[in-house]
Amino acid sequence: MPPRIHRAPLALASDGSVIANVHHVTGATDIALLIIEAVKRGTVFIGVVVPKKHRAIIAEAIDDAATEAASVVLAKK
């Protein structure tokens, strides 16, 4: 199965960054050209979409981490 360009216009990173999909800016559909264009624009994030069968595991881990973070903050007076 050949790689495809994801059509989501934005992604949100856990560090608070908002990542724009270069495809939406350039309209390019060739992955190599998109990478070249992205590099020209600054910091690049390259990733893959997590399969649906693994999303529940990630959601549970994020929920656990958020619960721990909230308890640390709320425990401080």
N, C-alpha and C. Protein backbone atom coordinates (compact mmCIF):
# COMPACT_ATOMS: atom_id res chain seq x y z
N MET A 1 0.85 -1.18 0.00
CA MET A 1 0.00 0.00 0.00
C MET A 1 0.89 1.24 0.00
N PRO A 2 0.77 2.08 -1.00
CA PRO A 2 1.62 3.28 -1.05
C PRO A 2 1.22 4.29 0.03
N PRO A 3 2.18 5.10 0.48
CA PRO A 3 1.83 6.12 1.48
C PRO A 3 0.86 7.13 0.88
N ARG A 4 0.07 7.74 1.75
CA ARG A 4 -0.87 8.76 1.29
C ARG A 4 -0.72 9.99 2.16
N ILE A 5 -1.18 11.11 1.64
CA ILE A 5 -1.12 12.37 2.36
C ILE A 5 -2.37 12.49 3.22
N HIS A 6 -2.17 12.67 4.52
CA HIS A 6 -3.32 12.85 5.41
C HIS A 6 -3.94 14.21 5.13
N ARG A 7 -5.26 14.30 5.14
CA ARG A 7 -5.95 15.53 4.76
C ARG A 7 -6.28 16.45 5.93
N ALA A 8 -6.01 16.02 7.17
CA ALA A 8 -6.30 16.90 8.31
C ALA A 8 -5.48 18.18 8.20
N PRO A 9 -6.10 19.34 8.36
CA PRO A 9 -5.38 20.59 8.20
C PRO A 9 -4.44 20.91 9.36
N LEU A 10 -4.74 20.40 10.55
CA LEU A 10 -3.95 20.73 11.74
C LEU A 10 -3.76 19.51 12.63
N ALA A 11 -2.68 19.55 13.40
CA ALA A 11 -2.46 18.57 14.47
C ALA A 11 -2.04 19.36 15.70
N LEU A 12 -2.40 18.87 16.86
CA LEU A 12 -2.02 19.51 18.12
C LEU A 12 -0.99 18.64 18.82
N ALA A 13 0.12 19.24 19.23
CA ALA A 13 1.17 18.50 19.91
C ALA A 13 1.04 18.65 21.41
N SER A 14 1.56 17.69 22.12
CA SER A 14 1.46 17.71 23.57
C SER A 14 2.26 18.85 24.20
N ASP A 15 3.19 19.44 23.46
CA ASP A 15 3.94 20.58 23.99
C ASP A 15 3.24 21.91 23.74
N GLY A 16 2.03 21.85 23.18
CA GLY A 16 1.25 23.05 22.92
C GLY A 16 1.41 23.58 21.49
N SER A 17 2.28 22.98 20.72
CA SER A 17 2.45 23.39 19.32
C SER A 17 1.22 23.04 18.50
N VAL A 18 0.93 23.88 17.53
CA VAL A 18 -0.09 23.58 16.53
C VAL A 18 0.66 23.37 15.23
N ILE A 19 0.46 22.23 14.60
CA ILE A 19 1.20 21.86 13.40
C ILE A 19 0.26 21.92 12.21
N ALA A 20 0.62 22.72 11.21
CA ALA A 20 -0.20 22.87 10.01
C ALA A 20 0.25 21.87 8.95
N ASN A 21 -0.70 21.31 8.26
CA ASN A 21 -0.42 20.37 7.19
C ASN A 21 0.01 21.16 5.95
N VAL A 22 1.25 20.96 5.50
CA VAL A 22 1.79 21.71 4.38
C VAL A 22 0.99 21.44 3.10
N HIS A 23 0.38 20.28 3.02
CA HIS A 23 -0.46 19.97 1.84
C HIS A 23 -1.53 21.04 1.65
N HIS A 24 -2.09 21.53 2.75
CA HIS A 24 -3.15 22.54 2.66
C HIS A 24 -2.62 23.90 2.21
N VAL A 25 -1.33 24.13 2.42
CA VAL A 25 -0.73 25.39 2.02
C VAL A 25 -0.31 25.36 0.55
N THR A 26 0.29 24.23 0.15
CA THR A 26 0.87 24.15 -1.19
C THR A 26 -0.02 23.44 -2.20
N GLY A 27 -0.86 22.54 -1.71
CA GLY A 27 -1.67 21.73 -2.61
C GLY A 27 -0.90 20.56 -3.20
N ALA A 28 0.39 20.46 -2.90
CA ALA A 28 1.20 19.36 -3.43
C ALA A 28 0.72 18.02 -2.90
N THR A 29 0.86 17.00 -3.70
CA THR A 29 0.46 15.65 -3.27
C THR A 29 1.62 14.67 -3.32
N ASP A 30 2.77 15.10 -3.76
CA ASP A 30 3.95 14.25 -3.77
C ASP A 30 4.66 14.40 -2.42
N ILE A 31 4.86 13.29 -1.73
CA ILE A 31 5.42 13.34 -0.38
C ILE A 31 6.81 13.98 -0.36
N ALA A 32 7.66 13.65 -1.31
CA ALA A 32 9.00 14.24 -1.35
C ALA A 32 8.93 15.75 -1.50
N LEU A 33 8.04 16.24 -2.37
CA LEU A 33 7.90 17.68 -2.55
C LEU A 33 7.34 18.34 -1.29
N LEU A 34 6.42 17.67 -0.62
CA LEU A 34 5.88 18.22 0.62
C LEU A 34 6.95 18.34 1.70
N ILE A 35 7.82 17.35 1.78
CA ILE A 35 8.90 17.41 2.77
C ILE A 35 9.84 18.57 2.46
N ILE A 36 10.20 18.73 1.19
CA ILE A 36 11.07 19.85 0.79
C ILE A 36 10.42 21.18 1.16
N GLU A 37 9.14 21.33 0.85
CA GLU A 37 8.43 22.57 1.16
C GLU A 37 8.35 22.79 2.67
N ALA A 38 8.08 21.72 3.42
CA ALA A 38 7.98 21.83 4.88
C ALA A 38 9.30 22.28 5.49
N VAL A 39 10.40 21.73 5.02
CA VAL A 39 11.72 22.08 5.54
C VAL A 39 12.00 23.57 5.30
N LYS A 40 11.56 24.10 4.18
CA LYS A 40 11.74 25.53 3.89
C LYS A 40 11.00 26.40 4.90
N ARG A 41 9.92 25.89 5.46
CA ARG A 41 9.05 26.69 6.33
C ARG A 41 9.42 26.60 7.80
N GLY A 42 10.31 25.71 8.19
CA GLY A 42 10.71 25.66 9.60
C GLY A 42 10.78 24.27 10.16
N THR A 43 10.49 24.14 11.44
CA THR A 43 10.56 22.86 12.13
C THR A 43 9.57 21.89 11.51
N VAL A 44 10.01 20.65 11.32
CA VAL A 44 9.19 19.64 10.66
C VAL A 44 8.89 18.50 11.64
N PHE A 45 7.65 18.07 11.64
CA PHE A 45 7.23 16.89 12.40
C PHE A 45 6.80 15.85 11.38
N ILE A 46 7.41 14.68 11.43
CA ILE A 46 7.01 13.59 10.54
C ILE A 46 6.48 12.47 11.41
N GLY A 47 5.28 12.03 11.13
CA GLY A 47 4.68 10.98 11.94
C GLY A 47 3.78 10.09 11.11
N VAL A 48 3.15 9.18 11.79
CA VAL A 48 2.20 8.28 11.15
C VAL A 48 0.92 8.28 11.98
N VAL A 49 -0.19 8.02 11.34
CA VAL A 49 -1.46 7.91 12.05
C VAL A 49 -1.48 6.59 12.81
N VAL A 50 -1.85 6.64 14.07
CA VAL A 50 -1.94 5.44 14.89
C VAL A 50 -3.16 4.63 14.45
N PRO A 51 -3.00 3.34 14.24
CA PRO A 51 -4.15 2.51 13.84
C PRO A 51 -5.27 2.56 14.88
N LYS A 52 -6.49 2.47 14.43
CA LYS A 52 -7.65 2.54 15.33
C LYS A 52 -7.54 1.54 16.47
N LYS A 53 -7.00 0.35 16.19
CA LYS A 53 -6.94 -0.68 17.23
C LYS A 53 -6.01 -0.29 18.39
N HIS A 54 -5.14 0.70 18.20
CA HIS A 54 -4.24 1.13 19.26
C HIS A 54 -4.65 2.45 19.91
N ARG A 55 -5.65 3.11 19.38
CA ARG A 55 -6.04 4.42 19.92
C ARG A 55 -6.55 4.35 21.35
N ALA A 56 -7.24 3.28 21.70
CA ALA A 56 -7.75 3.14 23.07
C ALA A 56 -6.60 3.06 24.07
N ILE A 57 -5.53 2.41 23.70
CA ILE A 57 -4.36 2.30 24.58
C ILE A 57 -3.77 3.69 24.82
N ILE A 58 -3.64 4.47 23.76
CA ILE A 58 -3.10 5.82 23.87
C ILE A 58 -4.04 6.71 24.68
N ALA A 59 -5.34 6.61 24.42
CA ALA A 59 -6.31 7.43 25.16
C ALA A 59 -6.25 7.10 26.65
N GLU A 60 -6.12 5.84 27.00
CA GLU A 60 -6.04 5.45 28.41
C GLU A 60 -4.75 5.99 29.04
N ALA A 61 -3.64 5.92 28.32
CA ALA A 61 -2.38 6.44 28.85
C ALA A 61 -2.44 7.95 29.04
N ILE A 62 -3.05 8.66 28.10
CA ILE A 62 -3.21 10.11 28.23
C ILE A 62 -4.11 10.44 29.41
N ASP A 63 -5.18 9.69 29.57
CA ASP A 63 -6.09 9.92 30.70
C ASP A 63 -5.37 9.70 32.03
N ASP A 64 -4.57 8.63 32.11
CA ASP A 64 -3.81 8.37 33.33
C ASP A 64 -2.83 9.51 33.63
N ALA A 65 -2.14 9.99 32.58
CA ALA A 65 -1.18 11.07 32.77
C ALA A 65 -1.88 12.36 33.19
N ALA A 66 -3.03 12.65 32.59
CA ALA A 66 -3.78 13.86 32.95
C ALA A 66 -4.27 13.77 34.39
N THR A 67 -4.72 12.59 34.80
CA THR A 67 -5.17 12.40 36.18
C THR A 67 -4.02 12.64 37.16
N GLU A 68 -2.86 12.10 36.83
CA GLU A 68 -1.70 12.30 37.70
C GLU A 68 -1.31 13.77 37.76
N ALA A 69 -1.29 14.44 36.62
CA ALA A 69 -0.92 15.86 36.59
C ALA A 69 -1.91 16.69 37.40
N ALA A 70 -3.20 16.40 37.25
CA ALA A 70 -4.21 17.14 38.00
C ALA A 70 -4.05 16.92 39.50
N SER A 71 -3.77 15.69 39.90
CA SER A 71 -3.63 15.41 41.33
C SER A 71 -2.40 16.12 41.92
N VAL A 72 -1.33 16.22 41.13
CA VAL A 72 -0.15 16.94 41.60
C VAL A 72 -0.46 18.42 41.79
N VAL A 73 -1.13 19.01 40.81
CA VAL A 73 -1.45 20.44 40.88
C VAL A 73 -2.47 20.71 41.98
N LEU A 74 -3.49 19.91 42.10
CA LEU A 74 -4.53 20.14 43.09
C LEU A 74 -4.07 19.86 44.51
N ALA A 75 -3.03 19.02 44.66
CA ALA A 75 -2.52 18.72 45.99
C ALA A 75 -1.69 19.88 46.55
N LYS A 76 -1.21 20.76 45.70
CA LYS A 76 -0.43 21.90 46.15
C LYS A 76 -1.36 22.97 46.70
N LYS A 77 -0.95 23.61 47.79
CA LYS A 77 -1.80 24.61 48.42
C LYS A 77 -1.21 25.97 48.24
